Amino acid sequence: MELSGDDEGLSRNQRSDPKDEAVLKQLVNEAGLSLDDAVLYLRLLRQGHLPSSESKKAAAILDRGMAIVSGDGNTIIPVHPRLGIANYYRTWREAMVRQMNERRMRVDKLILQLIPVYEAANERSSDSRDPRKPD
């Protein structure tokens, strides 16, 4: 995986480190970060902070609870990865559960719409086969 985007804070050796590439790939695949956001998150973890002037770049990791703005508002600091990744996963899981519940309600509504159609067809079919009914 070739690393592109904001490479500030990662030396040439660190960028080509296979461990970093594996971690970045996992951040992209498992945490849903873009590659640029994954590079920025790794940089934030290494440096311990970023200036608040980079808050636009850090919006995704701030939104996911993987970083926070310091109390004085001057720096962005990382949340411990155990909490940061867990925050992301919990948010993702809640969204998935909500989507599944919404879809289940739509499916239930569809079922209720289709039951009368099915029953009407079966009623007509059974009426036409009933020998007691004259044609």
Protein backbone atom coordinates (compact mmCIF):
# COMPACT_ATOMS: atom_id res chain seq x y z
CA MET A 1 0.00 0.00 0.00
CA GLU A 2 1.50 3.29 -1.00
CA LEU A 3 0.95 6.04 1.49
CA SER A 4 -0.20 9.31 0.04
CA GLY A 5 -1.53 12.49 1.49
CA ASP A 6 -0.24 14.31 4.52
CA ASP A 7 3.01 12.60 5.49
CA GLU A 8 4.20 15.31 7.88
CA GLY A 9 5.56 13.74 11.03
CA LEU A 10 6.31 10.39 9.40
CA SER A 11 9.87 10.02 8.19
CA ARG A 12 10.64 8.20 4.97
CA ASN A 13 11.71 5.14 6.95
CA GLN A 14 8.56 5.18 9.06
CA ARG A 15 6.32 5.50 6.00
CA SER A 16 7.84 2.42 4.40
CA ASP A 17 7.83 0.43 7.66
CA PRO A 18 5.77 -2.71 6.98
CA LYS A 19 4.31 -2.50 10.50
CA ASP A 20 3.03 1.02 9.80
CA GLU A 21 1.57 -0.08 6.51
CA ALA A 22 -0.22 -2.97 8.22
CA VAL A 23 -1.56 -0.65 10.92
CA LEU A 24 -2.66 1.91 8.35
CA LYS A 25 -4.40 -0.79 6.34
CA GLN A 26 -6.26 -1.93 9.46
CA LEU A 27 -7.25 1.64 10.30
CA VAL A 28 -8.68 1.95 6.80
CA ASN A 29 -10.39 -1.46 6.73
CA GLU A 30 -11.48 -1.88 10.33
CA ALA A 31 -11.90 1.67 11.61
CA GLY A 32 -13.25 3.06 8.36
CA LEU A 33 -10.73 5.88 8.12
CA SER A 34 -9.52 7.21 4.81
CA LEU A 35 -5.82 6.64 4.22
CA ASP A 36 -5.11 10.33 4.85
CA ASP A 37 -7.04 10.19 8.14
CA ALA A 38 -5.23 6.99 9.16
CA VAL A 39 -1.84 8.63 8.47
CA LEU A 40 -2.93 11.69 10.47
CA TYR A 41 -4.16 9.54 13.37
CA LEU A 42 -0.88 7.62 13.49
CA ARG A 43 0.99 10.93 13.39
CA LEU A 44 -1.19 12.27 16.21
CA LEU A 45 -0.49 9.19 18.33
CA ARG A 46 3.26 9.52 17.72
CA GLN A 47 3.45 13.26 18.38
CA GLY A 48 0.89 13.36 21.18
CA HIS A 49 -0.81 16.47 19.85
CA LEU A 50 -1.50 18.59 16.79
CA PRO A 51 -2.12 22.32 16.59
CA SER A 52 -5.79 23.26 16.49
CA SER A 53 -5.08 24.83 13.10
CA GLU A 54 -5.25 21.26 11.76
CA SER A 55 -8.77 20.67 13.06
CA LYS A 56 -10.22 20.63 9.53
CA LYS A 57 -7.81 17.85 8.57
CA ALA A 58 -8.60 16.04 11.82
CA ALA A 59 -12.39 16.37 11.52
CA ALA A 60 -12.95 12.67 10.82
CA ILE A 61 -10.96 11.46 13.80
CA LEU A 62 -12.50 14.14 16.02
CA ASP A 63 -16.00 13.13 14.89
CA ARG A 64 -15.25 9.48 15.62
CA GLY A 65 -14.09 10.19 19.15
CA MET A 66 -10.53 9.15 18.34
CA ALA A 67 -9.19 12.61 19.27
CA ILE A 68 -10.38 15.59 21.25
CA VAL A 69 -9.63 19.30 21.38
CA SER A 70 -7.74 20.31 24.52
CA GLY A 71 -9.49 22.39 27.15
CA ASP A 72 -7.71 25.55 26.07
CA GLY A 73 -8.71 24.88 22.44
CA ASN A 74 -5.14 25.19 21.18
CA THR A 75 -4.33 21.56 20.47
CA ILE A 76 -5.85 18.31 19.30
CA ILE A 77 -4.91 15.37 21.47
CA PRO A 78 -5.41 11.68 20.80
CA VAL A 79 -7.78 9.58 22.83
CA HIS A 80 -6.14 6.36 24.02
CA PRO A 81 -6.49 3.87 21.13
CA ARG A 82 -8.38 1.44 23.36
CA LEU A 83 -11.05 4.09 23.85
CA GLY A 84 -10.72 5.78 20.46
CA ILE A 85 -11.20 2.64 18.40
CA ALA A 86 -13.88 1.40 20.82
CA ASN A 87 -15.70 4.75 20.43
CA TYR A 88 -15.64 4.34 16.67
CA TYR A 89 -16.79 0.71 16.85
CA ARG A 90 -19.61 1.51 19.27
CA THR A 91 -20.82 4.36 17.05
CA TRP A 92 -20.58 2.15 13.95
CA ARG A 93 -22.40 -0.72 15.69
CA GLU A 94 -25.20 1.58 16.89
CA ALA A 95 -25.64 2.89 13.35
CA MET A 96 -25.75 -0.65 11.97
CA VAL A 97 -28.29 -1.78 14.57
CA ARG A 98 -30.41 1.30 13.84
CA GLN A 99 -30.26 0.57 10.09
CA MET A 100 -31.16 -3.08 10.67
CA ASN A 101 -34.12 -2.12 12.89
CA GLU A 102 -35.34 0.41 10.34
CA ARG A 103 -35.06 -2.16 7.57
CA ARG A 104 -36.90 -4.73 9.69
CA MET A 105 -39.76 -2.25 10.18
CA ARG A 106 -39.89 -1.62 6.41
CA VAL A 107 -39.91 -5.37 5.75
CA ASP A 108 -42.70 -5.89 8.32
CA LYS A 109 -44.72 -3.13 6.65
CA LEU A 110 -44.17 -4.76 3.25
CA ILE A 111 -45.30 -8.11 4.64
CA LEU A 112 -48.49 -6.53 5.95
CA GLN A 113 -49.12 -5.03 2.50
CA LEU A 114 -48.57 -8.36 0.74
CA ILE A 115 -50.65 -10.61 3.03
CA PRO A 116 -54.02 -9.42 1.64
CA VAL A 117 -52.79 -9.93 -1.92
CA TYR A 118 -51.73 -13.49 -1.13
CA GLU A 119 -54.91 -14.30 0.81
CA ALA A 120 -57.14 -12.87 -1.93
CA ALA A 121 -55.43 -15.02 -4.55
CA ASN A 122 -55.71 -18.14 -2.38
CA GLU A 123 -59.37 -17.41 -1.68
CA ARG A 124 -60.14 -17.09 -5.40
CA SER A 125 -58.17 -20.24 -6.10
CA SER A 126 -59.96 -22.28 -3.43
CA ASP A 127 -63.35 -20.90 -4.55
CA SER A 128 -62.76 -22.08 -8.10
CA ARG A 129 -61.85 -25.58 -6.90
CA ASP A 130 -64.73 -25.95 -4.42
CA PRO A 131 -67.09 -28.56 -5.91
CA ARG A 132 -70.01 -27.31 -3.79
CA LYS A 133 -70.05 -23.96 -5.57
CA PRO A 134 -71.87 -23.84 -8.87
CA ASP A 135 -70.07 -22.36 -11.86
